[in-house]
């Protein structure tokens, strides 16, 4: 009996560590799968490096969207260029500034969590302290413009970026620390030689608001779809005379293959949430408009492919100097203007104090985006966790508190314009011409948005009916709970 007991104790002592090891291995795997499914929308802060002759001294700001292992982002910033005093002189030379450029970038790629050097655990969206390494691999491009009025970039650059880092997951949010290692792949344009040819290293910080997938307890629906592809492309050209004209017709033929398939849709059910919202205008627009900073709240309801929302927001919204010509009415009446702010004019840059109340109506375009990629999906009632939407907002905007960036110059400019209108047309300035005449009225505009659960990123074209000099593009980030 004693020998049996000793044998049992030995066997139990050998098996128990093995079972514990297996349990720990399973825990690590589940934690890694949870890390891999992290999703949300965040703000990036970084200062990219280009080279000695092209530097970025001010901080860039961008938006990042993370959906599991897939990541996508946009960013904007300013760049200063320099050149040697005399490029033909040997040896190092002092550099002189030559210009201020505006730039934007876009990228897409993957973000993979690693299971080494981890700290803590992720238990739920509101109970977590988890740290783990990540490695981001993205491909993207920069477009660099000479000034805000330019529509054609001076430089286009394609790049590949590898960014090892560390992610800290907290309740409702996460923080990423990355070291970017960018390699320029293609460079084209006037300033292409200004950029460094080799690796560029610079750190990046990302603050991300989580979409909270586990809070929804989602279901997964299998939906019928069809994969469409083409092959055997060929063209035929025929020419014939028709009267005094010679007509050439080119016809393209190809074979279409339709393959039945299925796709899996994440359904979070009816969604309603209420949260905070922040919006600002783009960096390039700040060359000819004041800065916009809007703070507010948003309620959103989504079901299947439809979206409804209500927004309350206030703050400062920038305005420009004048509007493009066009639209209904005449200049004599003070109405012959479009709703687009003229670029390149700086005499009347300023901002308004505003308070907006707007309703949102939108539709989900996920199926259209899949169709553009060759996959046609049957209509379904699922409310997707990841949703790309287009829509329109309308409501009331209270406008006041107008301020100029340079009051003396701007007041003199519009006083002179008013004297000219009195002389030519016997009328005062209108709100189409003078921001000092702005009034409250309708506000709204088209928007494109991306919703990842409780987080949203929106790009919206604001239109103020009786303050049109404030019309412009606003990027906003919203995080809700519900």
Protein backbone atom coordinates (compact mmCIF):
# COMPACT_ATOMS: atom_id res chain seq x y z
CA UNK A 1 0.00 0.00 0.00
CA UNK A 2 2.82 2.37 0.84
CA UNK A 3 4.57 1.62 -2.45
CA UNK A 4 1.33 2.24 -4.35
CA UNK A 5 0.88 5.57 -2.59
CA UNK A 6 4.43 6.63 -3.41
CA UNK A 7 3.97 5.60 -7.07
CA UNK A 8 0.70 7.59 -7.28
CA UNK A 9 2.39 10.66 -5.79
CA UNK A 10 5.27 10.37 -8.29
CA UNK A 11 2.91 9.99 -11.26
CA UNK A 12 0.73 12.89 -10.06
CA UNK A 13 3.83 15.04 -9.52
CA UNK A 14 4.99 14.34 -13.07
CA UNK A 15 1.60 14.87 -14.74
CA UNK A 16 0.48 17.97 -12.86
CA UNK A 17 3.24 20.25 -14.27
CA UNK A 18 2.48 18.86 -17.74
CA UNK A 19 -1.23 19.69 -17.34
CA UNK A 20 -0.36 23.13 -16.02
CA UNK A 21 1.99 23.68 -18.94
CA UNK A 22 -0.71 22.68 -21.40
CA UNK A 23 -3.15 24.99 -19.65
CA UNK A 24 -0.71 27.91 -19.81
CA UNK A 25 -0.08 27.18 -23.48
CA UNK A 26 -3.81 27.25 -24.18
CA UNK A 27 -4.15 30.50 -22.25
CA UNK A 28 -1.34 32.07 -24.25
CA UNK A 29 -2.99 30.95 -27.50
CA UNK A 30 -6.36 32.42 -26.49
CA UNK A 31 -4.70 35.67 -25.47
CA UNK A 32 -2.87 35.83 -28.81
CA UNK A 33 -6.12 35.23 -30.70
CA UNK A 34 -7.65 38.05 -28.66
CA UNK A 35 -4.72 40.29 -29.54
CA UNK A 36 -5.16 39.39 -33.21
CA UNK A 37 -8.85 40.40 -33.16
CA UNK A 38 -8.27 43.86 -31.65
CA UNK A 39 -10.05 46.53 -33.71
CA UNK A 40 -10.65 50.24 -33.44
CA UNK A 41 -9.90 53.73 -34.73
CA UNK A 42 -7.06 55.89 -33.47
CA UNK A 43 -5.00 59.04 -33.91
CA UNK A 44 -1.34 58.83 -34.90
CA UNK A 45 1.40 61.29 -33.93
CA UNK A 46 4.80 61.20 -35.63
CA UNK A 47 7.46 63.29 -37.31
CA UNK A 48 8.59 61.59 -40.54
CA UNK A 49 12.17 61.83 -41.73
CA UNK A 50 12.92 62.61 -45.38
CA UNK A 51 16.55 63.72 -45.50
CA UNK A 52 18.87 66.65 -44.98
CA UNK A 53 17.31 68.79 -47.73
CA UNK A 54 13.69 67.98 -46.83
CA UNK A 55 12.66 67.98 -43.19
CA UNK A 56 9.48 67.99 -41.16
CA UNK A 57 9.93 70.00 -37.98
CA UNK A 58 6.27 70.04 -36.96
CA UNK A 59 4.28 67.05 -35.75
CA UNK A 60 2.17 65.13 -38.26
CA UNK A 61 -1.28 63.87 -37.31
CA UNK A 62 -3.09 60.95 -38.93
CA UNK A 63 -5.99 58.56 -38.50
CA UNK A 64 -5.53 54.81 -38.20
CA UNK A 65 -8.10 52.07 -38.64
CA UNK A 66 -7.34 48.61 -37.24
CA UNK A 67 -9.53 45.61 -38.02
CA UNK A 68 -7.89 42.49 -36.70
CA UNK A 69 -4.66 41.93 -38.63
CA UNK A 70 -5.54 44.59 -41.24
CA UNK A 71 -4.61 48.24 -40.88
CA UNK A 72 -5.25 51.34 -42.97
CA UNK A 73 -4.38 54.97 -42.39
CA UNK A 74 -4.12 58.52 -43.68
CA UNK A 75 -2.02 61.45 -42.47
CA UNK A 76 -1.14 65.08 -43.15
CA UNK A 77 1.66 67.45 -42.32
CA UNK A 78 4.05 70.15 -43.51
CA UNK A 79 7.58 69.89 -44.92
CA UNK A 80 10.40 72.42 -45.18
CA UNK A 81 12.92 72.27 -48.04
CA UNK A 82 16.53 73.48 -48.02
CA UNK A 83 19.38 73.74 -50.48
CA UNK A 84 23.15 74.46 -50.24
CA UNK A 85 24.33 78.03 -50.69
CA UNK A 86 26.51 76.85 -53.56
CA UNK A 87 26.12 73.24 -54.64
CA UNK A 88 29.35 73.35 -56.64
CA UNK A 89 31.54 74.15 -53.63
CA UNK A 90 33.27 71.12 -52.11
CA UNK A 91 32.70 70.00 -48.55
CA UNK A 92 29.80 70.59 -46.13
CA UNK A 93 27.91 73.83 -46.67
CA UNK A 94 25.29 75.82 -44.76
CA UNK A 95 21.74 75.17 -45.95
CA UNK A 96 19.20 77.89 -46.65
CA UNK A 97 15.39 77.37 -46.49
CA UNK A 98 13.65 77.38 -49.86
CA UNK A 99 9.99 76.69 -49.15
CA UNK A 100 7.16 75.26 -47.07
CA UNK A 101 5.30 72.31 -48.60
CA UNK A 102 2.09 70.53 -47.61
CA UNK A 103 1.87 66.75 -47.78
CA UNK A 104 -0.43 63.83 -47.16
CA UNK A 105 0.05 60.10 -47.05
CA UNK A 106 -2.02 56.93 -47.25
CA UNK A 107 -1.12 53.35 -46.43
CA UNK A 108 -2.53 49.84 -46.08
CA UNK A 109 -1.03 46.72 -44.59
CA UNK A 110 -1.02 44.31 -41.70
CA UNK A 111 -0.45 44.51 -37.93
CA UNK A 112 0.58 41.22 -36.32
CA UNK A 113 0.76 40.71 -32.53
CA UNK A 114 3.58 38.58 -31.13
CA UNK A 115 3.27 36.13 -28.24
CA UNK A 116 6.66 36.91 -26.66
CA UNK A 117 7.46 39.46 -23.96
CA UNK A 118 3.80 39.79 -23.00
CA UNK A 119 2.53 41.37 -19.80
CA UNK A 120 -0.86 40.85 -18.13
CA UNK A 121 -4.09 39.55 -19.66
CA UNK A 122 -7.03 40.79 -21.66
CA UNK A 123 -10.16 39.59 -19.86
CA UNK A 124 -12.85 41.84 -21.36
CA UNK A 125 -13.34 45.24 -22.93
CA UNK A 126 -13.63 46.88 -19.48
CA UNK A 127 -11.19 44.68 -17.54
CA UNK A 128 -7.82 44.46 -19.19
CA UNK A 129 -4.18 45.31 -18.78
CA UNK A 130 -2.30 43.57 -21.51
CA UNK A 131 0.98 44.41 -23.20
CA UNK A 132 2.48 42.60 -26.18
CA UNK A 133 4.89 43.30 -29.07
CA UNK A 134 3.55 44.01 -32.57
CA UNK A 135 5.04 44.32 -36.01
CA UNK A 136 3.37 46.46 -38.68
CA UNK A 137 4.14 46.00 -42.37
CA UNK A 138 2.54 48.56 -44.68
CA UNK A 139 2.78 49.84 -48.23
CA UNK A 140 1.78 53.40 -49.03
CA UNK A 141 2.64 56.68 -50.63
CA UNK A 142 3.23 60.39 -50.03
CA UNK A 143 1.92 63.27 -52.13
CA UNK A 144 3.73 66.57 -51.56
CA UNK A 145 2.23 69.84 -52.81
CA UNK A 146 3.97 73.16 -53.36
CA UNK A 147 1.10 75.16 -51.83
CA UNK A 148 -2.57 74.88 -50.91
CA UNK A 149 -3.68 76.13 -54.31
CA UNK A 150 -1.84 73.37 -56.15
CA UNK A 151 -3.85 70.38 -57.35
CA UNK A 152 -0.92 68.46 -58.86
CA UNK A 153 1.68 67.14 -56.40
CA UNK A 154 5.30 68.21 -56.72
CA UNK A 155 6.49 64.84 -55.48
CA UNK A 156 4.94 61.39 -55.30
CA UNK A 157 6.68 58.69 -53.31
CA UNK A 158 5.79 55.03 -52.82
CA UNK A 159 7.26 53.32 -49.81
CA UNK A 160 7.40 50.11 -47.82
CA UNK A 161 7.42 50.41 -44.04
CA UNK A 162 8.27 47.91 -41.30
CA UNK A 163 7.41 49.12 -37.80
CA UNK A 164 8.14 46.92 -34.79
CA UNK A 165 6.50 48.15 -31.62
CA UNK A 166 4.61 47.43 -28.45
CA UNK A 167 0.84 47.65 -27.81
CA UNK A 168 -0.68 48.34 -24.42
CA UNK A 169 -4.35 47.33 -24.19
CA UNK A 170 -6.38 49.12 -21.52
CA UNK A 171 -10.12 49.23 -20.81
CA UNK A 172 -11.87 50.72 -23.87
CA UNK A 173 -8.64 51.78 -25.58
CA UNK A 174 -5.12 50.82 -26.59
CA UNK A 175 -1.80 52.62 -27.07
CA UNK A 176 0.80 51.68 -29.71
CA UNK A 177 4.48 52.64 -29.66
CA UNK A 178 6.25 51.95 -32.97
CA UNK A 179 9.61 52.56 -34.62
CA UNK A 180 9.02 53.16 -38.33
CA UNK A 181 11.65 51.93 -40.77
CA UNK A 182 10.61 53.35 -44.13
CA UNK A 183 12.16 52.44 -47.47
CA UNK A 184 11.35 54.66 -50.46
CA UNK A 185 10.48 52.41 -53.39
CA UNK A 186 9.59 54.90 -56.15
CA UNK A 187 10.21 58.64 -56.27
CA UNK A 188 8.98 61.02 -58.92
CA UNK A 189 8.65 64.80 -59.18
CA UNK A 190 10.57 68.04 -58.79
CA UNK A 191 11.88 67.34 -55.29
CA UNK A 192 12.55 63.63 -55.65
CA UNK A 193 16.30 64.06 -55.04
CA UNK A 194 15.59 65.84 -51.77
CA UNK A 195 14.45 62.63 -50.14
CA UNK A 196 16.74 60.16 -48.49
CA UNK A 197 17.27 57.03 -50.59
CA UNK A 198 17.92 54.55 -47.79
CA UNK A 199 16.14 53.70 -44.57
CA UNK A 200 14.41 56.41 -42.57
CA UNK A 201 13.82 55.82 -38.85
CA UNK A 202 11.30 57.70 -36.72
CA UNK A 203 9.04 56.86 -33.75
CA UNK A 204 5.24 56.94 -33.75
CA UNK A 205 2.55 57.05 -31.06
CA UNK A 206 -1.02 55.86 -31.70
CA UNK A 207 -3.94 56.40 -29.32
CA UNK A 208 -6.77 54.08 -30.33
CA UNK A 209 -10.38 53.81 -29.20
CA UNK A 210 -11.47 50.18 -29.35
CA UNK A 211 -14.47 48.94 -31.32
CA UNK A 212 -15.19 46.50 -28.44
CA UNK A 213 -16.12 43.44 -30.50
CA UNK A 214 -16.54 41.24 -27.42
CA UNK A 215 -19.10 43.67 -25.97
CA UNK A 216 -21.53 42.86 -28.81
CA UNK A 217 -21.45 39.07 -28.51
CA UNK A 218 -21.72 38.92 -32.33
CA UNK A 219 -23.00 36.09 -34.50
CA UNK A 220 -21.56 35.02 -37.82
CA UNK A 221 -23.80 34.62 -40.86
CA UNK A 222 -22.90 32.73 -44.02
CA UNK A 223 -24.22 34.60 -47.05
CA UNK A 224 -24.36 33.42 -50.66
CA UNK A 225 -22.13 35.33 -53.05
CA UNK A 226 -20.63 35.06 -56.53
CA UNK A 227 -17.03 35.60 -57.58
CA UNK A 228 -16.90 37.29 -61.01
CA UNK A 229 -13.77 37.19 -63.16
CA UNK A 230 -12.92 37.88 -66.79
CA UNK A 231 -10.48 36.21 -69.18
CA UNK A 232 -9.54 35.99 -72.88
CA UNK A 233 -9.64 39.74 -73.45
CA UNK A 234 -9.57 40.65 -77.14
CA UNK A 235 -10.45 43.62 -79.32
CA UNK A 236 -11.69 44.06 -82.88
CA UNK A 237 -11.42 47.28 -84.86
CA UNK A 238 -13.50 48.12 -87.93
CA UNK A 239 -13.38 51.23 -90.11
CA UNK A 240 -15.98 52.41 -92.61
CA UNK A 241 -17.00 55.56 -94.44
CA UNK A 242 -20.25 57.30 -93.47
CA UNK A 243 -20.86 60.27 -95.75
CA UNK A 244 -17.97 62.68 -95.38
CA UNK A 245 -16.70 60.98 -92.22
CA UNK A 246 -14.50 57.99 -91.62
CA UNK A 247 -15.72 56.07 -88.55
CA UNK A 248 -13.54 53.69 -86.55
CA UNK A 249 -15.19 51.36 -84.05
CA UNK A 250 -13.29 49.28 -81.51
CA UNK A 251 -15.12 46.45 -79.71
CA UNK A 252 -13.69 44.63 -76.70
CA UNK A 253 -14.69 41.02 -76.00
CA UNK A 254 -13.96 38.90 -72.95
CA UNK A 255 -15.26 35.80 -71.25
CA UNK A 256 -17.03 36.23 -67.91
CA UNK A 257 -16.81 33.48 -65.30
CA UNK A 258 -19.22 33.47 -62.36
CA UNK A 259 -18.30 31.15 -59.50
CA UNK A 260 -20.77 30.59 -56.64
CA UNK A 261 -19.21 31.11 -53.23
CA UNK A 262 -20.09 32.24 -49.72
CA UNK A 263 -18.85 34.99 -47.42
CA UNK A 264 -19.04 35.24 -43.65
CA UNK A 265 -20.62 38.39 -42.20
CA UNK A 266 -20.20 39.54 -38.60
CA UNK A 267 -23.64 40.51 -37.29
CA UNK A 268 -23.79 42.69 -34.16
CA UNK A 269 -27.59 43.09 -34.31
CA UNK A 270 -29.31 46.45 -33.90
CA UNK A 271 -26.78 48.99 -32.77
CA UNK A 272 -27.38 52.22 -30.86
CA UNK A 273 -24.76 54.25 -29.07
CA UNK A 274 -24.07 57.69 -27.65
CA UNK A 275 -20.64 59.26 -27.32
CA UNK A 276 -18.19 62.09 -27.85
CA UNK A 277 -17.02 63.58 -31.14
CA UNK A 278 -14.07 65.71 -32.25
CA UNK A 279 -13.53 67.24 -35.70
CA UNK A 280 -10.89 69.36 -37.43
CA UNK A 281 -10.09 70.55 -40.93
CA UNK A 282 -7.16 69.33 -42.99
CA UNK A 283 -3.64 70.75 -42.85
CA UNK A 284 -3.66 71.87 -46.50
CA UNK A 285 -6.83 73.93 -46.06
CA UNK A 286 -5.16 75.93 -43.30
CA UNK A 287 -3.17 77.80 -45.97
CA UNK A 288 -6.33 79.65 -47.01
CA UNK A 289 -8.77 79.05 -44.09
CA UNK A 290 -8.62 79.32 -40.33
CA UNK A 291 -8.33 76.25 -38.14
CA UNK A 292 -11.47 74.28 -37.26
CA UNK A 293 -11.87 72.52 -33.92
CA UNK A 294 -15.32 71.11 -33.16
CA UNK A 295 -16.27 69.24 -29.99
CA UNK A 296 -19.59 67.55 -29.40
CA UNK A 297 -21.71 64.46 -28.94
CA UNK A 298 -23.33 61.98 -31.30
CA UNK A 299 -26.11 59.43 -31.13
CA UNK A 300 -26.06 56.72 -33.78
CA UNK A 301 -28.43 53.91 -34.70
CA UNK A 302 -27.51 51.23 -37.26
CA UNK A 303 -29.59 48.32 -38.49
CA UNK A 304 -28.70 46.21 -41.52
CA UNK A 305 -27.60 48.66 -44.25
CA UNK A 306 -29.15 51.83 -42.80
CA UNK A 307 -27.76 54.48 -40.48
CA UNK A 308 -29.41 57.27 -38.49
CA UNK A 309 -27.65 59.77 -36.27
CA UNK A 310 -28.02 62.99 -34.34
CA UNK A 311 -25.12 65.40 -33.68
CA UNK A 312 -24.59 68.32 -31.30
CA UNK A 313 -21.25 70.08 -31.75
CA UNK A 314 -19.67 73.44 -31.09
CA UNK A 315 -16.36 75.24 -31.29
CA UNK A 316 -14.46 77.25 -33.85
CA UNK A 317 -14.72 76.67 -37.60
CA UNK A 318 -12.28 78.32 -40.00
CA UNK A 319 -13.31 80.50 -42.92
CA UNK A 320 -11.59 81.71 -46.07
CA UNK A 321 -11.35 85.02 -47.90
CA UNK A 322 -13.66 84.65 -50.88
CA UNK A 323 -15.71 82.16 -52.90
CA UNK A 324 -15.24 80.88 -56.41
CA UNK A 325 -17.38 82.50 -59.07
CA UNK A 326 -20.52 80.65 -60.21
CA UNK A 327 -23.88 79.63 -58.85
CA UNK A 328 -27.24 81.33 -59.19
CA UNK A 329 -27.77 85.06 -59.26
CA UNK A 330 -25.43 87.84 -60.33
CA UNK A 331 -22.46 89.67 -58.89
CA UNK A 332 -24.56 92.86 -58.95
CA UNK A 333 -26.99 91.18 -56.56
CA UNK A 334 -24.16 89.80 -54.46
CA UNK A 335 -25.21 86.21 -55.26
CA UNK A 336 -23.03 85.13 -58.18
CA UNK A 337 -20.81 82.76 -56.21
CA UNK A 338 -20.36 79.03 -55.79
CA UNK A 339 -20.16 77.25 -52.44
CA UNK A 340 -16.44 76.52 -52.81
CA UNK A 341 -13.86 78.65 -51.00
CA UNK A 342 -11.20 80.14 -53.26
CA UNK A 343 -7.73 78.79 -52.58
CA UNK A 344 -4.59 80.87 -52.38
CA UNK A 345 -6.19 84.06 -50.99
CA UNK A 346 -5.17 84.99 -47.45
CA UNK A 347 -6.45 88.53 -46.85
CA UNK A 348 -9.52 87.44 -44.87
CA UNK A 349 -8.50 84.24 -43.08
CA UNK A 350 -10.34 83.79 -39.79
CA UNK A 351 -12.88 81.69 -37.91
CA UNK A 352 -16.42 81.63 -36.52
CA UNK A 353 -17.85 80.42 -33.25
CA UNK A 354 -20.51 77.83 -34.20
CA UNK A 355 -23.02 75.48 -32.68
CA UNK A 356 -24.43 72.81 -35.02
CA UNK A 357 -27.41 70.49 -34.63
CA UNK A 358 -27.61 67.91 -37.43
CA UNK A 359 -29.40 64.69 -38.36
CA UNK A 360 -27.53 61.95 -40.26
CA UNK A 361 -29.00 59.56 -42.81
CA UNK A 362 -26.71 57.03 -44.43
CA UNK A 363 -26.38 53.63 -46.07
CA UNK A 364 -23.80 50.87 -45.77
CA UNK A 365 -21.75 50.34 -48.96
CA UNK A 366 -19.81 47.21 -47.93
CA UNK A 367 -21.51 45.16 -50.65
CA UNK A 368 -20.69 47.80 -53.29
CA UNK A 369 -17.02 47.75 -52.29
CA UNK A 370 -16.96 43.95 -52.47
CA UNK A 371 -18.66 44.09 -55.88
CA UNK A 372 -15.98 46.47 -57.11
CA UNK A 373 -13.46 43.81 -56.11
CA UNK A 374 -15.32 41.13 -58.07
CA UNK A 375 -17.50 39.59 -55.33
CA UNK A 376 -21.27 40.09 -55.54
CA UNK A 377 -22.98 39.42 -52.18
CA UNK A 378 -26.68 38.77 -51.70
CA UNK A 379 -28.59 41.29 -49.61
CA UNK A 380 -28.81 40.32 -45.97
CA UNK A 381 -30.12 41.80 -42.72
CA UNK A 382 -26.82 41.62 -40.86
CA UNK A 383 -25.52 44.75 -39.12
CA UNK A 384 -21.80 44.61 -39.82
CA UNK A 385 -19.21 45.30 -37.14
CA UNK A 386 -17.05 46.94 -39.83
CA UNK A 387 -19.16 49.28 -41.96
CA UNK A 388 -18.28 51.77 -44.69
CA UNK A 389 -21.08 54.30 -45.18
CA UNK A 390 -22.10 57.25 -47.32
CA UNK A 391 -24.77 59.67 -46.24
CA UNK A 392 -26.01 63.21 -45.80
CA UNK A 393 -26.44 65.46 -42.76
CA UNK A 394 -28.71 68.46 -42.40
CA UNK A 395 -29.74 70.73 -39.57
CA UNK A 396 -29.25 74.17 -38.06
CA UNK A 397 -26.01 76.05 -37.53
CA UNK A 398 -25.71 79.03 -35.16
CA UNK A 399 -22.85 81.22 -36.39
CA UNK A 400 -21.26 84.18 -34.60
CA UNK A 401 -18.13 85.40 -32.87
CA UNK A 402 -16.27 86.06 -36.12
CA UNK A 403 -12.52 86.69 -35.66
CA UNK A 404 -9.79 87.43 -38.20
CA UNK A 405 -6.28 86.03 -38.03
CA UNK A 406 -5.00 89.51 -38.97
CA UNK A 407 -7.79 91.97 -37.99
CA UNK A 408 -6.24 95.20 -39.33
CA UNK A 409 -5.44 93.79 -42.76
CA UNK A 410 -8.74 91.90 -43.09
CA UNK A 411 -11.03 94.73 -41.96
CA UNK A 412 -9.31 97.10 -44.40
CA UNK A 413 -9.73 94.54 -47.20
CA UNK A 414 -13.48 94.09 -46.66
CA UNK A 415 -14.08 97.81 -46.05
CA UNK A 416 -12.49 98.50 -49.40
CA UNK A 417 -14.64 95.78 -50.99
CA UNK A 418 -17.74 97.32 -49.42
CA UNK A 419 -16.84 100.77 -50.81
CA UNK A 420 -16.39 99.18 -54.24
CA UNK A 421 -19.80 97.47 -54.06
CA UNK A 422 -21.43 100.73 -52.98
CA UNK A 423 -19.89 102.53 -55.93
CA UNK A 424 -20.59 99.86 -58.56
CA UNK A 425 -23.85 98.26 -57.41
CA UNK A 426 -25.22 100.55 -54.67
CA UNK A 427 -25.25 97.74 -52.09
CA UNK A 428 -23.29 96.55 -49.06
CA UNK A 429 -21.26 93.36 -48.82
CA UNK A 430 -23.24 90.13 -48.58
CA UNK A 431 -22.39 86.97 -46.62
CA UNK A 432 -21.18 85.50 -49.92
CA UNK A 433 -18.38 88.08 -49.94
CA UNK A 434 -17.75 89.13 -46.34
CA UNK A 435 -17.48 86.81 -43.30
CA UNK A 436 -18.53 89.69 -41.04
CA UNK A 437 -22.03 89.39 -42.58
CA UNK A 438 -22.46 85.68 -41.76
CA UNK A 439 -25.77 84.59 -40.20
CA UNK A 440 -27.27 81.48 -38.66
CA UNK A 441 -29.02 79.07 -41.01
CA UNK A 442 -29.03 75.58 -42.47
CA UNK A 443 -25.94 73.44 -42.22
CA UNK A 444 -25.15 69.96 -43.52
CA UNK A 445 -23.31 68.07 -46.19
CA UNK A 446 -22.29 64.75 -47.66
CA UNK A 447 -20.15 62.37 -45.61
CA UNK A 448 -18.15 59.18 -46.00
CA UNK A 449 -17.51 57.23 -42.81
CA UNK A 450 -16.01 54.04 -41.43
CA UNK A 451 -17.57 52.45 -38.34
CA UNK A 452 -15.70 49.81 -36.36
CA UNK A 453 -18.11 48.89 -33.61
CA UNK A 454 -18.31 51.82 -31.21
CA UNK A 455 -15.67 53.90 -33.04
CA UNK A 456 -16.18 56.01 -36.19
CA UNK A 457 -14.00 58.01 -38.54
CA UNK A 458 -15.82 60.46 -40.81
CA UNK A 459 -14.88 62.77 -43.68
CA UNK A 460 -17.62 65.35 -44.26
CA UNK A 461 -18.10 68.30 -46.61
CA UNK A 462 -19.71 70.98 -44.42
CA UNK A 463 -21.98 73.53 -46.11
CA UNK A 464 -23.20 76.57 -44.16
CA UNK A 465 -26.14 78.14 -45.98
CA UNK A 466 -25.59 81.71 -44.77
CA UNK A 467 -21.93 81.48 -43.83
CA UNK A 468 -20.52 79.91 -47.03
CA UNK A 469 -16.96 81.15 -46.44
CA UNK A 470 -16.78 78.45 -43.73
CA UNK A 471 -17.60 75.65 -46.18
CA UNK A 472 -14.95 72.98 -46.15
CA UNK A 473 -13.85 69.44 -45.41
CA UNK A 474 -13.81 68.26 -41.78
CA UNK A 475 -12.35 65.00 -40.44
CA UNK A 476 -14.00 63.75 -37.26
CA UNK A 477 -13.45 60.92 -34.81
CA UNK A 478 -16.31 59.61 -32.65
CA UNK A 479 -16.35 57.07 -29.86
CA UNK A 480 -19.66 55.88 -28.44
CA UNK A 481 -20.94 53.47 -25.83
CA UNK A 482 -24.33 51.84 -25.80
